[in-house]
Amino acid sequence: MMEAVLRERYPEKDIEFVRLGKPHSPIFEEAARRAGSRDMILFGDQLHTDILGARRFGIDSALILSGLTRRSSADWPEDMTPTYVLDSLEGVGW
């Protein structure tokens, strides 16, 4: 909606929003830039944001079932299938 309003108000300008949150790539690109590598893994609890974003960006993902997503299933859509599935982060030693 904001893009449409701004385009109408400023038709001479090419206005386009950059989506920053997951699953959109700019947040992953910035993380890779800061890390100096794409050798990373995303830990998350949501298929439609965390896992999908990691898959689209080409990095590994770990779905944590103690968060929002609580089902462990082999029938997830291919683009939302995590690399790893963890029951929780409790007891994980770093």
C-alpha atoms as a PDB file:
ATOM      1  CA  MET A   1       0.000   0.000   0.000  1.00  0.00           C
ATOM      2  CA  MET A   2       2.792   2.428   0.890  1.00  0.00           C
ATOM      3  CA  GLU A   3       4.571   1.769  -2.407  1.00  0.00           C
ATOM      4  CA  ALA A   4       1.372   2.492  -4.348  1.00  0.00           C
ATOM      5  CA  VAL A   5       0.772   5.765  -2.504  1.00  0.00           C
ATOM      6  CA  LEU A   6       4.358   6.936  -2.948  1.00  0.00           C
ATOM      7  CA  ARG A   7       4.372   5.995  -6.649  1.00  0.00           C
ATOM      8  CA  GLU A   8       1.201   8.018  -7.163  1.00  0.00           C
ATOM      9  CA  ARG A   9       2.609  11.003  -5.255  1.00  0.00           C
ATOM     10  CA  TYR A  10       6.034  10.818  -6.942  1.00  0.00           C
ATOM     11  CA  PRO A  11       5.429   9.314 -10.424  1.00  0.00           C
ATOM     12  CA  GLU A  12       8.813  10.547 -11.664  1.00  0.00           C
ATOM     13  CA  LYS A  13      10.673   8.428  -9.115  1.00  0.00           C
ATOM     14  CA  ASP A  14      11.204   4.680  -9.180  1.00  0.00           C
ATOM     15  CA  ILE A  15      10.164   3.835  -5.625  1.00  0.00           C
ATOM     16  CA  GLU A  16      10.408   0.266  -4.422  1.00  0.00           C
ATOM     17  CA  PHE A  17      10.620  -1.068  -0.890  1.00  0.00           C
ATOM     18  CA  VAL A  18      13.276  -3.585   0.033  1.00  0.00           C
ATOM     19  CA  ARG A  19      11.802  -6.255   2.245  1.00  0.00           C
ATOM     20  CA  LEU A  20      14.152  -6.821   5.161  1.00  0.00           C
ATOM     21  CA  GLY A  21      12.593  -9.589   7.215  1.00  0.00           C
ATOM     22  CA  LYS A  22      12.711 -13.327   6.705  1.00  0.00           C
ATOM     23  CA  PRO A  23      12.225 -15.043   4.282  1.00  0.00           C
ATOM     24  CA  HIS A  24      13.519 -12.199   2.074  1.00  0.00           C
ATOM     25  CA  SER A  25      17.176 -12.308   1.078  1.00  0.00           C
ATOM     26  CA  PRO A  26      18.523  -8.903   2.248  1.00  0.00           C
ATOM     27  CA  ILE A  27      18.635 -10.031   5.882  1.00  0.00           C
ATOM     28  CA  PHE A  28      20.587 -13.152   4.906  1.00  0.00           C
ATOM     29  CA  GLU A  29      22.893 -11.173   2.615  1.00  0.00           C
ATOM     30  CA  GLU A  30      23.737  -8.804   5.470  1.00  0.00           C
ATOM     31  CA  ALA A  31      24.382 -11.697   7.853  1.00  0.00           C
ATOM     32  CA  ALA A  32      26.741 -13.288   5.303  1.00  0.00           C
ATOM     33  CA  ARG A  33      28.493  -9.952   4.756  1.00  0.00           C
ATOM     34  CA  ARG A  34      29.016  -9.474   8.500  1.00  0.00           C
ATOM     35  CA  ALA A  35      30.180 -13.066   8.958  1.00  0.00           C
ATOM     36  CA  GLY A  36      32.471 -12.848   5.947  1.00  0.00           C
ATOM     37  CA  SER A  37      31.112 -16.187   4.737  1.00  0.00           C
ATOM     38  CA  ARG A  38      28.006 -17.997   3.573  1.00  0.00           C
ATOM     39  CA  ASP A  39      29.070 -20.972   5.679  1.00  0.00           C
ATOM     40  CA  MET A  40      26.288 -20.561   8.228  1.00  0.00           C
ATOM     41  CA  ILE A  41      23.211 -22.250   9.619  1.00  0.00           C
ATOM     42  CA  LEU A  42      19.922 -20.655  10.589  1.00  0.00           C
ATOM     43  CA  PHE A  43      18.207 -21.888  13.753  1.00  0.00           C
ATOM     44  CA  GLY A  44      14.506 -21.117  13.715  1.00  0.00           C
ATOM     45  CA  ASP A  45      11.067 -22.254  14.748  1.00  0.00           C
ATOM     46  CA  GLN A  46       8.969 -21.233  11.736  1.00  0.00           C
ATOM     47  CA  LEU A  47       8.796 -22.999   8.390  1.00  0.00           C
ATOM     48  CA  HIS A  48       7.344 -20.077   6.401  1.00  0.00           C
ATOM     49  CA  THR A  49       9.940 -17.526   7.466  1.00  0.00           C
ATOM     50  CA  ASP A  50      13.069 -19.101   8.961  1.00  0.00           C
ATOM     51  CA  ILE A  51      13.382 -22.348   7.025  1.00  0.00           C
ATOM     52  CA  LEU A  52      12.029 -21.005   3.720  1.00  0.00           C
ATOM     53  CA  GLY A  53      14.416 -18.038   3.890  1.00  0.00           C
ATOM     54  CA  ALA A  54      17.424 -20.227   4.608  1.00  0.00           C
ATOM     55  CA  ARG A  55      16.523 -22.624   1.800  1.00  0.00           C
ATOM     56  CA  ARG A  56      16.058 -19.774  -0.695  1.00  0.00           C
ATOM     57  CA  PHE A  57      19.413 -18.291   0.331  1.00  0.00           C
ATOM     58  CA  GLY A  58      21.140 -21.651   0.039  1.00  0.00           C
ATOM     59  CA  ILE A  59      22.226 -22.223   3.620  1.00  0.00           C
ATOM     60  CA  ASP A  60      21.509 -25.006   6.088  1.00  0.00           C
ATOM     61  CA  SER A  61      18.683 -24.681   8.577  1.00  0.00           C
ATOM     62  CA  ALA A  62      17.717 -26.243  11.876  1.00  0.00           C
ATOM     63  CA  LEU A  63      14.043 -26.300  12.831  1.00  0.00           C
ATOM     64  CA  ILE A  64      13.514 -26.141  16.585  1.00  0.00           C
ATOM     65  CA  LEU A  65      10.283 -27.883  17.542  1.00  0.00           C
ATOM     66  CA  SER A  66       9.957 -26.253  20.966  1.00  0.00           C
ATOM     67  CA  GLY A  67       8.939 -22.967  19.311  1.00  0.00           C
ATOM     68  CA  LEU A  68       6.083 -22.101  16.966  1.00  0.00           C
ATOM     69  CA  THR A  69       6.334 -25.178  14.745  1.00  0.00           C
ATOM     70  CA  ARG A  70       5.691 -28.231  16.854  1.00  0.00           C
ATOM     71  CA  ARG A  71       5.166 -30.965  14.328  1.00  0.00           C
ATOM     72  CA  SER A  72       7.903 -33.166  13.028  1.00  0.00           C
ATOM     73  CA  SER A  73       6.896 -34.437   9.630  1.00  0.00           C
ATOM     74  CA  ALA A  74       8.362 -35.730   6.417  1.00  0.00           C
ATOM     75  CA  ASP A  75       5.545 -34.140   4.416  1.00  0.00           C
ATOM     76  CA  TRP A  76       6.791 -30.536   4.632  1.00  0.00           C
ATOM     77  CA  PRO A  77       6.925 -28.762   1.260  1.00  0.00           C
ATOM     78  CA  GLU A  78      10.345 -29.260  -0.317  1.00  0.00           C
ATOM     79  CA  ASP A  79      11.232 -25.567  -0.092  1.00  0.00           C
ATOM     80  CA  MET A  80      10.429 -25.616   3.643  1.00  0.00           C
ATOM     81  CA  THR A  81      12.184 -28.833   4.629  1.00  0.00           C
ATOM     82  CA  PRO A  82      14.910 -28.086   7.181  1.00  0.00           C
ATOM     83  CA  THR A  83      18.378 -29.587   7.028  1.00  0.00           C
ATOM     84  CA  TYR A  84      18.111 -30.571  10.698  1.00  0.00           C
ATOM     85  CA  VAL A  85      15.247 -30.932  13.170  1.00  0.00           C
ATOM     86  CA  LEU A  86      15.839 -30.410  16.901  1.00  0.00           C
ATOM     87  CA  ASP A  87      13.335 -31.013  19.679  1.00  0.00           C
ATOM     88  CA  SER A  88      14.728 -27.988  21.531  1.00  0.00           C
ATOM     89  CA  LEU A  89      17.960 -26.157  22.269  1.00  0.00           C
ATOM     90  CA  GLU A  90      17.893 -27.335  25.864  1.00  0.00           C
ATOM     91  CA  GLY A  91      21.052 -29.194  26.742  1.00  0.00           C
ATOM     92  CA  VAL A  92      22.842 -28.226  23.519  1.00  0.00           C
ATOM     93  CA  GLY A  93      26.450 -27.499  24.370  1.00  0.00           C
ATOM     94  CA  TRP A  94      28.157 -24.762  22.429  1.00  0.00           C
END
